[in-house]
Amino acid sequence: MQTHQLKPNHKSADRKIVGRGGKKGTYSGKGGKGQTARAGRKLAPIIRELIKRYPKLKGYRAERFGKKIATVNLASLEKKFADGSKITSQNVGQVKILGTGAVTKKFHVKGVALSQSAKAIIEKAGGTVKS
């Protein structure tokens, strides 16, 4: 057995010095010594620590990054919509149409985000695109 392996037989308890007056507070309303007892003390406010824990979001109006725009291929529009139908943001929601797939129907697209290849394919099939 080494000296660093020795343990006391009794339980070690912190000695609490009870102040005079008041309940069982150690300082009994007088405050603590040290930085809190000195004039002109500068302790960081607790709210500052809470604010610093929040993640920083880059850019102006960073809440726009929470909104994701779905992508739709032309092949899925070919299956869902009939020939000559109007495709608006009210029909399909907030999406961007990508140019994957072939189109044989004439679509009239208005107010929906499109890729350049999708726009070319729709116009080649005889449809119209308005922004």
Protein backbone atom coordinates (compact mmCIF):
# COMPACT_ATOMS: atom_id res chain seq x y z
CA MET A 1 0.00 0.00 0.00
CA GLN A 2 1.31 3.41 -0.98
CA THR A 3 0.74 6.72 0.78
CA HIS A 4 -1.39 8.05 -2.07
CA GLN A 5 -3.74 5.05 -1.66
CA LEU A 6 -4.60 5.85 1.96
CA LYS A 7 -8.12 7.09 2.66
CA PRO A 8 -9.54 8.54 5.89
CA ASN A 9 -11.99 6.48 7.93
CA HIS A 10 -14.37 9.36 8.49
CA LYS A 11 -16.46 11.20 5.93
CA SER A 12 -15.03 14.58 4.95
CA ALA A 13 -17.64 17.31 5.22
CA ASP A 14 -17.28 20.97 4.36
CA ARG A 15 -17.35 23.17 7.40
CA LYS A 16 -20.08 25.77 7.04
CA ILE A 17 -19.52 28.94 8.99
CA VAL A 18 -22.92 30.29 9.86
CA GLY A 19 -23.11 34.06 9.95
CA ARG A 20 -24.84 36.04 12.66
CA GLY A 21 -28.38 37.21 12.08
CA GLY A 22 -30.81 36.15 9.42
CA LYS A 23 -31.38 32.51 8.57
CA LYS A 24 -28.56 30.04 7.96
CA GLY A 25 -26.84 31.98 5.19
CA THR A 26 -23.09 32.03 5.51
CA TYR A 27 -22.80 35.77 4.89
CA SER A 28 -26.08 36.75 6.59
CA GLY A 29 -26.89 39.53 4.16
CA LYS A 30 -23.41 41.08 4.13
CA GLY A 31 -22.39 39.66 0.75
CA GLY A 32 -19.25 37.78 -0.09
CA LYS A 33 -15.65 38.95 0.05
CA GLY A 34 -13.45 39.16 -2.98
CA GLN A 35 -14.59 40.61 -6.29
CA THR A 36 -18.21 41.00 -5.23
CA ALA A 37 -17.22 42.95 -2.12
CA ARG A 38 -15.06 45.48 -4.00
CA ALA A 39 -16.23 48.77 -5.42
CA GLY A 40 -16.49 48.92 -9.21
CA ARG A 41 -16.72 45.17 -9.65
CA LYS A 42 -17.20 43.94 -13.19
CA LEU A 43 -18.92 40.60 -13.50
CA ALA A 44 -20.27 39.46 -16.83
CA PRO A 45 -24.08 39.40 -16.87
CA ILE A 46 -25.52 35.91 -16.99
CA ILE A 47 -27.65 36.70 -20.04
CA ARG A 48 -24.48 37.37 -22.05
CA GLU A 49 -23.37 33.77 -21.56
CA LEU A 50 -26.76 32.54 -22.76
CA ILE A 51 -26.68 34.75 -25.84
CA LYS A 52 -23.18 33.58 -26.77
CA ARG A 53 -24.35 29.95 -26.81
CA TYR A 54 -26.78 30.54 -29.68
CA PRO A 55 -25.44 29.74 -33.16
CA LYS A 56 -24.65 32.65 -35.41
CA LEU A 57 -26.43 32.76 -38.76
CA LYS A 58 -24.55 34.40 -41.59
CA GLY A 59 -26.09 36.95 -43.89
CA TYR A 60 -28.90 39.45 -43.86
CA ARG A 61 -32.27 37.92 -43.04
CA ALA A 62 -30.83 34.51 -42.32
CA GLU A 63 -34.28 32.97 -41.81
CA ARG A 64 -34.57 32.60 -45.58
CA PHE A 65 -32.13 29.68 -45.40
CA GLY A 66 -34.74 27.64 -43.53
CA LYS A 67 -37.02 27.63 -46.59
CA LYS A 68 -36.04 24.90 -49.02
CA ILE A 69 -37.26 24.99 -52.62
CA ALA A 70 -38.19 21.56 -53.97
CA THR A 71 -37.02 20.44 -57.39
CA VAL A 72 -39.24 18.81 -60.02
CA ASN A 73 -38.10 17.15 -63.24
CA LEU A 74 -39.86 17.58 -66.57
CA ALA A 75 -40.51 13.83 -66.70
CA SER A 76 -42.75 14.02 -63.63
CA LEU A 77 -44.65 17.00 -65.11
CA GLU A 78 -45.16 14.97 -68.28
CA LYS A 79 -46.87 12.23 -66.27
CA LYS A 80 -48.98 14.47 -64.03
CA PHE A 81 -50.28 17.25 -66.30
CA ALA A 82 -52.34 17.06 -69.50
CA ASP A 83 -51.52 18.64 -72.84
CA GLY A 84 -52.03 22.44 -72.86
CA SER A 85 -52.31 22.74 -69.07
CA LYS A 86 -51.12 25.82 -67.17
CA ILE A 87 -48.39 25.30 -64.59
CA THR A 88 -48.24 28.02 -61.94
CA SER A 89 -46.92 28.27 -58.40
CA GLN A 90 -50.50 27.67 -57.17
CA ASN A 91 -50.61 24.30 -58.97
CA VAL A 92 -47.19 22.93 -58.05
CA GLY A 93 -46.14 25.05 -55.05
CA GLN A 94 -42.75 26.64 -54.56
CA VAL A 95 -40.57 24.48 -56.82
CA LYS A 96 -37.87 24.77 -59.45
CA ILE A 97 -38.36 22.80 -62.65
CA LEU A 98 -35.25 21.05 -63.91
CA GLY A 99 -34.66 19.86 -67.47
CA THR A 100 -34.38 16.10 -66.87
CA GLY A 101 -36.64 14.12 -69.15
CA ALA A 102 -38.40 14.63 -72.48
CA VAL A 103 -41.60 16.60 -73.00
CA THR A 104 -44.15 16.00 -75.77
CA LYS A 105 -47.00 18.07 -74.29
CA LYS A 106 -47.44 21.83 -74.54
CA PHE A 107 -47.15 23.42 -71.11
CA HIS A 108 -47.84 27.07 -70.28
CA VAL A 109 -45.53 27.88 -67.35
CA LYS A 110 -45.97 31.13 -65.42
CA GLY A 111 -44.37 32.33 -62.16
CA VAL A 112 -42.29 29.19 -61.53
CA ALA A 113 -38.50 28.98 -61.34
CA LEU A 114 -36.95 27.10 -64.27
CA SER A 115 -33.52 26.02 -65.32
CA GLN A 116 -32.34 27.15 -68.74
CA SER A 117 -32.43 23.62 -70.10
CA ALA A 118 -36.03 23.14 -68.90
CA LYS A 119 -37.07 26.41 -70.50
CA ALA A 120 -35.52 25.37 -73.82
CA ILE A 121 -37.19 21.95 -73.76
CA ILE A 122 -40.65 23.40 -72.96
CA GLU A 123 -40.38 26.03 -75.72
CA LYS A 124 -39.12 23.40 -78.18
CA ALA A 125 -42.24 21.27 -77.46
CA GLY A 126 -44.46 24.29 -78.30
CA GLY A 127 -45.14 25.57 -74.77
CA THR A 128 -44.72 29.06 -73.37
CA VAL A 129 -42.69 30.32 -70.42
CA LYS A 130 -43.43 33.58 -68.59
CA SER A 131 -41.64 34.73 -65.46
